[in-house]
Amino acid sequence: MRDQDKTKLADVLNDARAKLPADKAATHEDAEGVVGAELTNNPNLTTYPGGVAEAVVAAARLNQEI
């Protein structure tokens, strides 16, 4: 896939503050979506250690325990 055909993070985050509620707790579904996106956009089909997916998974896990 050519770089110009890929969805850019800036496209996704454009006006995110206006579209998303403040302080939304991360959920299991959120974590699955972020992990899936990270896997899809990595040619090695792996997540990045310490990356966004790992952070959202940890947040969702903490939110579930509360």
N, C-alpha and C. Protein backbone atom coordinates (compact mmCIF):
# COMPACT_ATOMS: atom_id res chain seq x y z
N MET A 1 0.84 -1.16 0.00
CA MET A 1 0.00 0.00 0.00
C MET A 1 0.89 1.24 0.00
N ARG A 2 0.53 2.18 -0.84
CA ARG A 2 1.30 3.42 -0.93
C ARG A 2 1.02 4.30 0.29
N ASP A 3 2.04 5.06 0.70
CA ASP A 3 1.90 5.93 1.87
C ASP A 3 0.74 6.91 1.72
N GLN A 4 0.55 7.46 0.54
CA GLN A 4 -0.51 8.44 0.35
C GLN A 4 -1.90 7.83 0.45
N ASP A 5 -2.01 6.50 0.36
CA ASP A 5 -3.30 5.82 0.48
C ASP A 5 -3.62 5.41 1.92
N LYS A 6 -2.66 5.54 2.80
CA LYS A 6 -2.86 5.14 4.19
C LYS A 6 -3.56 6.25 4.97
N THR A 7 -4.34 5.85 5.97
CA THR A 7 -4.97 6.81 6.86
C THR A 7 -3.91 7.33 7.81
N LYS A 8 -3.83 8.62 7.92
CA LYS A 8 -2.85 9.26 8.79
C LYS A 8 -3.46 9.51 10.17
N LEU A 9 -2.64 9.46 11.20
CA LEU A 9 -3.11 9.71 12.56
C LEU A 9 -3.74 11.10 12.67
N ALA A 10 -3.18 12.06 11.98
CA ALA A 10 -3.73 13.42 12.00
C ALA A 10 -5.16 13.44 11.45
N ASP A 11 -5.46 12.60 10.45
CA ASP A 11 -6.81 12.52 9.91
C ASP A 11 -7.79 11.99 10.95
N VAL A 12 -7.35 11.00 11.70
CA VAL A 12 -8.21 10.39 12.71
C VAL A 12 -8.42 11.33 13.89
N LEU A 13 -7.37 12.03 14.29
CA LEU A 13 -7.45 12.88 15.47
C LEU A 13 -7.98 14.28 15.20
N ASN A 14 -8.23 14.61 13.94
CA ASN A 14 -8.73 15.93 13.60
C ASN A 14 -10.04 16.20 14.35
N ASP A 15 -10.08 17.23 15.15
CA ASP A 15 -11.24 17.61 15.96
C ASP A 15 -11.64 16.55 16.97
N ALA A 16 -10.71 15.71 17.40
CA ALA A 16 -11.03 14.65 18.35
C ALA A 16 -11.56 15.22 19.66
N ARG A 17 -11.00 16.32 20.11
CA ARG A 17 -11.44 16.91 21.38
C ARG A 17 -12.93 17.26 21.32
N ALA A 18 -13.39 17.75 20.19
CA ALA A 18 -14.79 18.13 20.06
C ALA A 18 -15.70 16.91 19.91
N LYS A 19 -15.17 15.83 19.36
CA LYS A 19 -15.99 14.65 19.08
C LYS A 19 -16.06 13.66 20.24
N LEU A 20 -15.07 13.66 21.12
CA LEU A 20 -15.01 12.68 22.19
C LEU A 20 -15.32 13.33 23.54
N PRO A 21 -15.98 12.57 24.41
CA PRO A 21 -16.23 13.12 25.75
C PRO A 21 -14.92 13.24 26.52
N ALA A 22 -14.87 14.19 27.42
CA ALA A 22 -13.66 14.39 28.22
C ALA A 22 -13.51 13.24 29.21
N ASP A 23 -12.29 12.82 29.44
CA ASP A 23 -11.97 11.80 30.44
C ASP A 23 -12.74 10.50 30.26
N LYS A 24 -12.89 10.05 29.03
CA LYS A 24 -13.55 8.77 28.77
C LYS A 24 -12.64 7.64 29.23
N ALA A 25 -13.19 6.72 29.99
CA ALA A 25 -12.41 5.57 30.46
C ALA A 25 -12.21 4.59 29.31
N ALA A 26 -11.01 4.08 29.17
CA ALA A 26 -10.71 3.09 28.14
C ALA A 26 -11.42 1.78 28.48
N THR A 27 -11.99 1.15 27.46
CA THR A 27 -12.70 -0.11 27.64
C THR A 27 -11.96 -1.23 26.93
N HIS A 28 -12.42 -2.46 27.17
CA HIS A 28 -11.85 -3.62 26.50
C HIS A 28 -12.01 -3.47 24.98
N GLU A 29 -13.16 -2.96 24.56
CA GLU A 29 -13.41 -2.77 23.13
C GLU A 29 -12.45 -1.74 22.54
N ASP A 30 -12.19 -0.68 23.28
CA ASP A 30 -11.22 0.33 22.83
C ASP A 30 -9.85 -0.32 22.64
N ALA A 31 -9.45 -1.11 23.63
CA ALA A 31 -8.14 -1.77 23.57
C ALA A 31 -8.04 -2.70 22.37
N GLU A 32 -9.10 -3.46 22.11
CA GLU A 32 -9.09 -4.36 20.96
C GLU A 32 -8.92 -3.58 19.66
N GLY A 33 -9.62 -2.45 19.55
CA GLY A 33 -9.52 -1.63 18.35
C GLY A 33 -8.14 -1.05 18.14
N VAL A 34 -7.53 -0.58 19.21
CA VAL A 34 -6.19 0.01 19.10
C VAL A 34 -5.16 -1.06 18.76
N VAL A 35 -5.27 -2.22 19.41
CA VAL A 35 -4.35 -3.32 19.11
C VAL A 35 -4.50 -3.73 17.65
N GLY A 36 -5.74 -3.86 17.18
CA GLY A 36 -5.98 -4.23 15.79
C GLY A 36 -5.40 -3.22 14.82
N ALA A 37 -5.55 -1.94 15.11
CA ALA A 37 -5.00 -0.90 14.24
C ALA A 37 -3.48 -0.95 14.22
N GLU A 38 -2.89 -1.16 15.38
CA GLU A 38 -1.43 -1.20 15.45
C GLU A 38 -0.89 -2.42 14.70
N LEU A 39 -1.57 -3.56 14.82
CA LEU A 39 -1.15 -4.76 14.10
C LEU A 39 -1.29 -4.59 12.59
N THR A 40 -2.41 -4.00 12.18
CA THR A 40 -2.68 -3.82 10.76
C THR A 40 -1.65 -2.91 10.10
N ASN A 41 -1.16 -1.94 10.84
CA ASN A 41 -0.25 -0.95 10.26
C ASN A 41 1.22 -1.27 10.49
N ASN A 42 1.51 -2.47 10.97
CA ASN A 42 2.89 -2.89 11.16
C ASN A 42 3.16 -4.07 10.23
N PRO A 43 4.12 -3.96 9.33
CA PRO A 43 4.39 -5.05 8.38
C PRO A 43 4.77 -6.36 9.06
N ASN A 44 5.26 -6.31 10.29
CA ASN A 44 5.61 -7.53 11.02
C ASN A 44 4.45 -8.09 11.84
N LEU A 45 3.30 -7.42 11.76
CA LEU A 45 2.09 -7.83 12.49
C LEU A 45 2.35 -8.00 13.98
N THR A 46 3.04 -7.03 14.56
CA THR A 46 3.30 -7.01 16.00
C THR A 46 2.96 -5.63 16.54
N THR A 47 2.72 -5.57 17.84
CA THR A 47 2.54 -4.26 18.47
C THR A 47 3.90 -3.76 18.92
N TYR A 48 3.98 -2.49 19.21
CA TYR A 48 5.24 -1.88 19.64
C TYR A 48 5.34 -1.92 21.16
N PRO A 49 6.42 -2.46 21.72
CA PRO A 49 6.59 -2.44 23.17
C PRO A 49 6.54 -1.00 23.69
N GLY A 50 5.70 -0.77 24.67
CA GLY A 50 5.56 0.58 25.21
C GLY A 50 4.76 1.50 24.32
N GLY A 51 4.09 0.94 23.31
CA GLY A 51 3.34 1.74 22.36
C GLY A 51 1.94 2.08 22.83
N VAL A 52 1.18 2.67 21.94
CA VAL A 52 -0.17 3.11 22.25
C VAL A 52 -1.05 1.92 22.64
N ALA A 53 -0.95 0.82 21.89
CA ALA A 53 -1.79 -0.34 22.18
C ALA A 53 -1.53 -0.85 23.59
N GLU A 54 -0.28 -0.94 23.96
CA GLU A 54 0.06 -1.42 25.31
C GLU A 54 -0.53 -0.50 26.38
N ALA A 55 -0.47 0.80 26.14
CA ALA A 55 -1.00 1.77 27.10
C ALA A 55 -2.51 1.66 27.23
N VAL A 56 -3.21 1.50 26.11
CA VAL A 56 -4.67 1.41 26.16
C VAL A 56 -5.11 0.10 26.80
N VAL A 57 -4.40 -0.99 26.51
CA VAL A 57 -4.71 -2.28 27.15
C VAL A 57 -4.54 -2.16 28.66
N ALA A 58 -3.47 -1.54 29.10
CA ALA A 58 -3.24 -1.36 30.54
C ALA A 58 -4.33 -0.50 31.17
N ALA A 59 -4.70 0.57 30.49
CA ALA A 59 -5.75 1.45 31.01
C ALA A 59 -7.08 0.72 31.10
N ALA A 60 -7.42 -0.05 30.08
CA ALA A 60 -8.67 -0.80 30.09
C ALA A 60 -8.68 -1.83 31.21
N ARG A 61 -7.55 -2.47 31.41
CA ARG A 61 -7.44 -3.46 32.49
C ARG A 61 -7.65 -2.79 33.85
N LEU A 62 -7.02 -1.65 34.06
CA LEU A 62 -7.19 -0.91 35.32
C LEU A 62 -8.64 -0.46 35.50
N ASN A 63 -9.26 0.02 34.44
CA ASN A 63 -10.64 0.48 34.53
C ASN A 63 -11.60 -0.67 34.84
N GLN A 64 -11.30 -1.85 34.34
CA GLN A 64 -12.15 -3.01 34.58
C GLN A 64 -12.06 -3.43 36.05
N GLU A 65 -10.89 -3.26 36.66
CA GLU A 65 -10.68 -3.67 38.05
C GLU A 65 -11.34 -2.72 39.04
N ILE A 66 -11.61 -1.50 38.61
CA ILE A 66 -12.18 -0.49 39.52
C ILE A 66 -13.66 -0.74 39.73
